[in-house]
Amino acid sequence: MKRSAPGFTLVELLVVISIMAIMAVIGITVFSGVQKTARDAKRKEDLLAIAIALEQYKAQNGYYPPISAMQGWCATICNTDNAAVKNALAPIFANGVPCDPTRSGSTGDYYYNHIYGVSDGFEVLASLEGQTQGTVDTWSSCHGILWSNVYNLKVVNQQ
């Protein structure tokens, strides 16, 4: 009887490669979901920091930062096209005004809007990547952009 040479058969190699490919796909999918969740958590933290900065600005000046006439009634916070709000908040933030983690076009920025009427206040908006519950609107009319998964932090002062 002949002895076979030590090694792996083609079938064994194909099974191992298939298992590794399946594990890699699962790992990449899970990692991508974790990254989205982390970016959404950062967005929510940033909006809270911006809200605190807006309240500090109002405590010092007696009003919220004005939105320039060119911006209309809603302004981006991080972009250079909104110097009025960005410059108003910049001294409050030690490391600069927060920007969206992805900065992907018009939905990659935080938006700031005055609320006028019976109460004076503001809202800041961010578009989320993942599905969240409770605090998400299905749309925002800020700049006429229709978003899905908009995180809306609204502060209305009763005075």
C-alpha atoms as a PDB file:
ATOM      1  CA  MET A   1       0.000   0.000   0.000  1.00  0.00           C
ATOM      2  CA  LYS A   2       1.172   3.495  -0.824  1.00  0.00           C
ATOM      3  CA  ARG A   3       1.163   6.243   1.783  1.00  0.00           C
ATOM      4  CA  SER A   4      -0.418   9.514   0.712  1.00  0.00           C
ATOM      5  CA  ALA A   5       1.603  12.685   1.089  1.00  0.00           C
ATOM      6  CA  PRO A   6       0.658  14.887   4.067  1.00  0.00           C
ATOM      7  CA  GLY A   7      -1.425  17.968   3.220  1.00  0.00           C
ATOM      8  CA  PHE A   8      -4.932  19.272   2.696  1.00  0.00           C
ATOM      9  CA  THR A   9      -7.334  18.217   0.011  1.00  0.00           C
ATOM     10  CA  LEU A  10      -8.960  20.707  -2.311  1.00  0.00           C
ATOM     11  CA  VAL A  11     -12.331  20.202  -0.616  1.00  0.00           C
ATOM     12  CA  GLU A  12     -10.869  20.942   2.825  1.00  0.00           C
ATOM     13  CA  LEU A  13      -9.255  24.141   1.545  1.00  0.00           C
ATOM     14  CA  LEU A  14     -12.503  25.309  -0.090  1.00  0.00           C
ATOM     15  CA  VAL A  15     -14.468  24.699   3.129  1.00  0.00           C
ATOM     16  CA  VAL A  16     -11.976  26.685   5.218  1.00  0.00           C
ATOM     17  CA  ILE A  17     -11.893  29.560   2.711  1.00  0.00           C
ATOM     18  CA  SER A  18     -15.724  29.659   2.608  1.00  0.00           C
ATOM     19  CA  ILE A  19     -15.951  29.780   6.392  1.00  0.00           C
ATOM     20  CA  MET A  20     -13.378  32.601   6.537  1.00  0.00           C
ATOM     21  CA  ALA A  21     -15.279  34.563   3.872  1.00  0.00           C
ATOM     22  CA  ILE A  22     -18.556  34.224   5.773  1.00  0.00           C
ATOM     23  CA  MET A  23     -16.891  35.356   9.003  1.00  0.00           C
ATOM     24  CA  ALA A  24     -15.317  38.341   7.230  1.00  0.00           C
ATOM     25  CA  VAL A  25     -18.686  39.472   5.812  1.00  0.00           C
ATOM     26  CA  ILE A  26     -20.332  39.188   9.237  1.00  0.00           C
ATOM     27  CA  GLY A  27     -17.454  41.099  10.866  1.00  0.00           C
ATOM     28  CA  ILE A  28     -17.567  43.926   8.321  1.00  0.00           C
ATOM     29  CA  THR A  29     -21.351  44.247   8.656  1.00  0.00           C
ATOM     30  CA  VAL A  30     -21.214  44.408  12.447  1.00  0.00           C
ATOM     31  CA  PHE A  31     -18.302  46.865  12.378  1.00  0.00           C
ATOM     32  CA  SER A  32     -20.165  49.149   9.965  1.00  0.00           C
ATOM     33  CA  GLY A  33     -23.217  49.181  12.244  1.00  0.00           C
ATOM     34  CA  VAL A  34     -21.086  49.985  15.278  1.00  0.00           C
ATOM     35  CA  GLN A  35     -19.469  52.877  13.419  1.00  0.00           C
ATOM     36  CA  LYS A  36     -22.882  54.327  12.479  1.00  0.00           C
ATOM     37  CA  THR A  37     -24.052  54.057  16.074  1.00  0.00           C
ATOM     38  CA  ALA A  38     -20.884  55.764  17.314  1.00  0.00           C
ATOM     39  CA  ARG A  39     -21.249  58.624  14.820  1.00  0.00           C
ATOM     40  CA  ASP A  40     -24.903  59.088  15.819  1.00  0.00           C
ATOM     41  CA  ALA A  41     -23.905  59.194  19.503  1.00  0.00           C
ATOM     42  CA  LYS A  42     -21.286  61.839  18.644  1.00  0.00           C
ATOM     43  CA  ARG A  43     -23.914  63.876  16.783  1.00  0.00           C
ATOM     44  CA  LYS A  44     -26.240  63.799  19.798  1.00  0.00           C
ATOM     45  CA  GLU A  45     -23.407  64.820  22.140  1.00  0.00           C
ATOM     46  CA  ASP A  46     -22.445  67.642  19.779  1.00  0.00           C
ATOM     47  CA  LEU A  47     -26.012  68.945  19.648  1.00  0.00           C
ATOM     48  CA  LEU A  48     -26.172  68.948  23.432  1.00  0.00           C
ATOM     49  CA  ALA A  49     -22.852  70.839  23.581  1.00  0.00           C
ATOM     50  CA  ILE A  50     -24.151  73.326  21.007  1.00  0.00           C
ATOM     51  CA  ALA A  51     -27.354  73.798  23.032  1.00  0.00           C
ATOM     52  CA  ILE A  52     -25.310  74.497  26.166  1.00  0.00           C
ATOM     53  CA  ALA A  53     -23.146  76.969  24.219  1.00  0.00           C
ATOM     54  CA  LEU A  54     -26.259  78.714  22.889  1.00  0.00           C
ATOM     55  CA  GLU A  55     -27.575  79.078  26.433  1.00  0.00           C
ATOM     56  CA  GLN A  56     -24.201  80.468  27.569  1.00  0.00           C
ATOM     57  CA  TYR A  57     -24.282  82.933  24.686  1.00  0.00           C
ATOM     58  CA  LYS A  58     -27.783  84.045  25.663  1.00  0.00           C
ATOM     59  CA  ALA A  59     -26.755  84.393  29.327  1.00  0.00           C
ATOM     60  CA  GLN A  60     -23.884  86.709  28.286  1.00  0.00           C
ATOM     61  CA  ASN A  61     -25.701  88.710  25.594  1.00  0.00           C
ATOM     62  CA  GLY A  62     -29.395  88.468  26.435  1.00  0.00           C
ATOM     63  CA  TYR A  63     -30.338  86.860  23.081  1.00  0.00           C
ATOM     64  CA  TYR A  64     -29.412  83.878  20.932  1.00  0.00           C
ATOM     65  CA  PRO A  65     -26.903  84.344  18.095  1.00  0.00           C
ATOM     66  CA  PRO A  66     -28.569  86.033  15.144  1.00  0.00           C
ATOM     67  CA  ILE A  67     -28.922  84.295  11.828  1.00  0.00           C
ATOM     68  CA  SER A  68     -27.828  86.540   8.976  1.00  0.00           C
ATOM     69  CA  ALA A  69     -30.414  87.708   6.446  1.00  0.00           C
ATOM     70  CA  MET A  70     -28.580  85.768   3.755  1.00  0.00           C
ATOM     71  CA  GLN A  71     -29.108  82.541   5.685  1.00  0.00           C
ATOM     72  CA  GLY A  72     -32.829  83.097   6.066  1.00  0.00           C
ATOM     73  CA  TRP A  73     -34.343  81.395   9.082  1.00  0.00           C
ATOM     74  CA  CYS A  74     -32.043  78.401   9.400  1.00  0.00           C
ATOM     75  CA  ALA A  75     -28.252  78.320   9.363  1.00  0.00           C
ATOM     76  CA  THR A  76     -25.506  75.748   9.322  1.00  0.00           C
ATOM     77  CA  ILE A  77     -23.347  75.885  12.415  1.00  0.00           C
ATOM     78  CA  CYS A  78     -20.045  74.491  11.208  1.00  0.00           C
ATOM     79  CA  ASN A  79     -19.751  75.689   7.606  1.00  0.00           C
ATOM     80  CA  THR A  80     -17.861  78.849   6.759  1.00  0.00           C
ATOM     81  CA  ASP A  81     -20.932  80.157   4.881  1.00  0.00           C
ATOM     82  CA  ASN A  82     -22.488  80.935   8.254  1.00  0.00           C
ATOM     83  CA  ALA A  83     -19.927  83.185   9.872  1.00  0.00           C
ATOM     84  CA  ALA A  84     -22.416  84.925  12.199  1.00  0.00           C
ATOM     85  CA  VAL A  85     -23.455  81.895  14.247  1.00  0.00           C
ATOM     86  CA  LYS A  86     -20.071  80.172  13.994  1.00  0.00           C
ATOM     87  CA  ASN A  87     -18.201  83.261  15.209  1.00  0.00           C
ATOM     88  CA  ALA A  88     -20.733  83.794  18.001  1.00  0.00           C
ATOM     89  CA  LEU A  89     -20.222  80.254  19.326  1.00  0.00           C
ATOM     90  CA  ALA A  90     -16.488  79.901  18.630  1.00  0.00           C
ATOM     91  CA  PRO A  91     -15.282  81.625  21.846  1.00  0.00           C
ATOM     92  CA  ILE A  92     -17.363  79.229  23.957  1.00  0.00           C
ATOM     93  CA  PHE A  93     -15.817  76.084  22.451  1.00  0.00           C
ATOM     94  CA  ALA A  94     -12.190  75.491  23.382  1.00  0.00           C
ATOM     95  CA  ASN A  95     -11.528  73.124  20.456  1.00  0.00           C
ATOM     96  CA  GLY A  96     -13.702  74.794  17.835  1.00  0.00           C
ATOM     97  CA  VAL A  97     -17.383  74.538  16.981  1.00  0.00           C
ATOM     98  CA  PRO A  98     -18.371  70.870  16.544  1.00  0.00           C
ATOM     99  CA  CYS A  99     -18.840  69.565  13.025  1.00  0.00           C
ATOM    100  CA  ASP A 100     -20.621  66.450  11.848  1.00  0.00           C
ATOM    101  CA  PRO A 101     -18.314  63.390  11.897  1.00  0.00           C
ATOM    102  CA  THR A 102     -18.822  62.725   8.190  1.00  0.00           C
ATOM    103  CA  ARG A 103     -19.287  66.258   6.772  1.00  0.00           C
ATOM    104  CA  SER A 104     -21.046  64.720   3.748  1.00  0.00           C
ATOM    105  CA  GLY A 105     -22.719  67.573   1.926  1.00  0.00           C
ATOM    106  CA  SER A 106     -25.786  69.428   3.102  1.00  0.00           C
ATOM    107  CA  THR A 107     -26.908  66.610   5.393  1.00  0.00           C
ATOM    108  CA  GLY A 108     -23.485  66.447   7.033  1.00  0.00           C
ATOM    109  CA  ASP A 109     -23.842  69.643   9.036  1.00  0.00           C
ATOM    110  CA  TYR A 110     -25.657  70.750  12.148  1.00  0.00           C
ATOM    111  CA  TYR A 111     -28.395  73.293  11.608  1.00  0.00           C
ATOM    112  CA  TYR A 112     -29.516  76.047  13.944  1.00  0.00           C
ATOM    113  CA  ASN A 113     -32.930  77.672  13.859  1.00  0.00           C
ATOM    114  CA  HIS A 114     -34.609  80.358  15.970  1.00  0.00           C
ATOM    115  CA  ILE A 115     -38.051  79.650  17.375  1.00  0.00           C
ATOM    116  CA  TYR A 116     -40.131  82.773  17.616  1.00  0.00           C
ATOM    117  CA  GLY A 117     -43.698  83.238  18.665  1.00  0.00           C
ATOM    118  CA  VAL A 118     -45.126  82.952  22.142  1.00  0.00           C
ATOM    119  CA  SER A 119     -41.757  81.684  23.361  1.00  0.00           C
ATOM    120  CA  ASP A 120     -38.206  82.480  22.372  1.00  0.00           C
ATOM    121  CA  GLY A 121     -35.945  79.532  21.782  1.00  0.00           C
ATOM    122  CA  PHE A 122     -33.936  77.572  19.266  1.00  0.00           C
ATOM    123  CA  GLU A 123     -33.570  74.170  17.721  1.00  0.00           C
ATOM    124  CA  VAL A 124     -30.525  72.374  16.411  1.00  0.00           C
ATOM    125  CA  LEU A 125     -30.830  69.555  13.916  1.00  0.00           C
ATOM    126  CA  ALA A 126     -28.654  66.699  12.751  1.00  0.00           C
ATOM    127  CA  SER A 127     -29.287  63.886  10.314  1.00  0.00           C
ATOM    128  CA  LEU A 128     -28.691  60.449  11.836  1.00  0.00           C
ATOM    129  CA  GLU A 129     -27.463  57.378   9.991  1.00  0.00           C
ATOM    130  CA  GLY A 130     -28.984  54.668  12.158  1.00  0.00           C
ATOM    131  CA  GLN A 131     -32.498  53.978  13.355  1.00  0.00           C
ATOM    132  CA  THR A 132     -33.340  55.517  16.695  1.00  0.00           C
ATOM    133  CA  GLN A 133     -36.534  55.769  18.653  1.00  0.00           C
ATOM    134  CA  GLY A 134     -38.474  58.574  20.222  1.00  0.00           C
ATOM    135  CA  THR A 135     -36.421  61.656  19.413  1.00  0.00           C
ATOM    136  CA  VAL A 136     -36.429  61.421  15.637  1.00  0.00           C
ATOM    137  CA  ASP A 137     -38.614  63.374  13.247  1.00  0.00           C
ATOM    138  CA  THR A 138     -39.193  62.004   9.773  1.00  0.00           C
ATOM    139  CA  TRP A 139     -38.550  65.368   8.147  1.00  0.00           C
ATOM    140  CA  SER A 140     -37.164  68.792   8.662  1.00  0.00           C
ATOM    141  CA  SER A 141     -38.030  71.898   6.711  1.00  0.00           C
ATOM    142  CA  CYS A 142     -34.716  73.550   7.568  1.00  0.00           C
ATOM    143  CA  HIS A 143     -33.444  75.042   4.271  1.00  0.00           C
ATOM    144  CA  GLY A 144     -36.208  73.075   2.569  1.00  0.00           C
ATOM    145  CA  ILE A 145     -34.201  69.852   2.953  1.00  0.00           C
ATOM    146  CA  LEU A 146     -36.288  66.765   3.536  1.00  0.00           C
ATOM    147  CA  TRP A 147     -34.300  64.339   5.670  1.00  0.00           C
ATOM    148  CA  SER A 148     -35.080  61.021   7.209  1.00  0.00           C
ATOM    149  CA  ASN A 149     -33.975  60.302  10.776  1.00  0.00           C
ATOM    150  CA  VAL A 150     -33.567  63.921  11.857  1.00  0.00           C
ATOM    151  CA  TYR A 151     -32.501  64.359  15.452  1.00  0.00           C
ATOM    152  CA  ASN A 152     -34.152  67.553  16.628  1.00  0.00           C
ATOM    153  CA  LEU A 153     -33.043  69.136  19.901  1.00  0.00           C
ATOM    154  CA  LYS A 154     -35.532  71.898  20.617  1.00  0.00           C
ATOM    155  CA  VAL A 155     -35.265  74.404  23.475  1.00  0.00           C
ATOM    156  CA  VAL A 156     -38.126  76.794  24.110  1.00  0.00           C
ATOM    157  CA  ASN A 157     -37.798  79.302  26.932  1.00  0.00           C
ATOM    158  CA  GLN A 158     -40.957  80.292  28.725  1.00  0.00           C
ATOM    159  CA  GLN A 159     -40.538  83.866  29.935  1.00  0.00           C
END
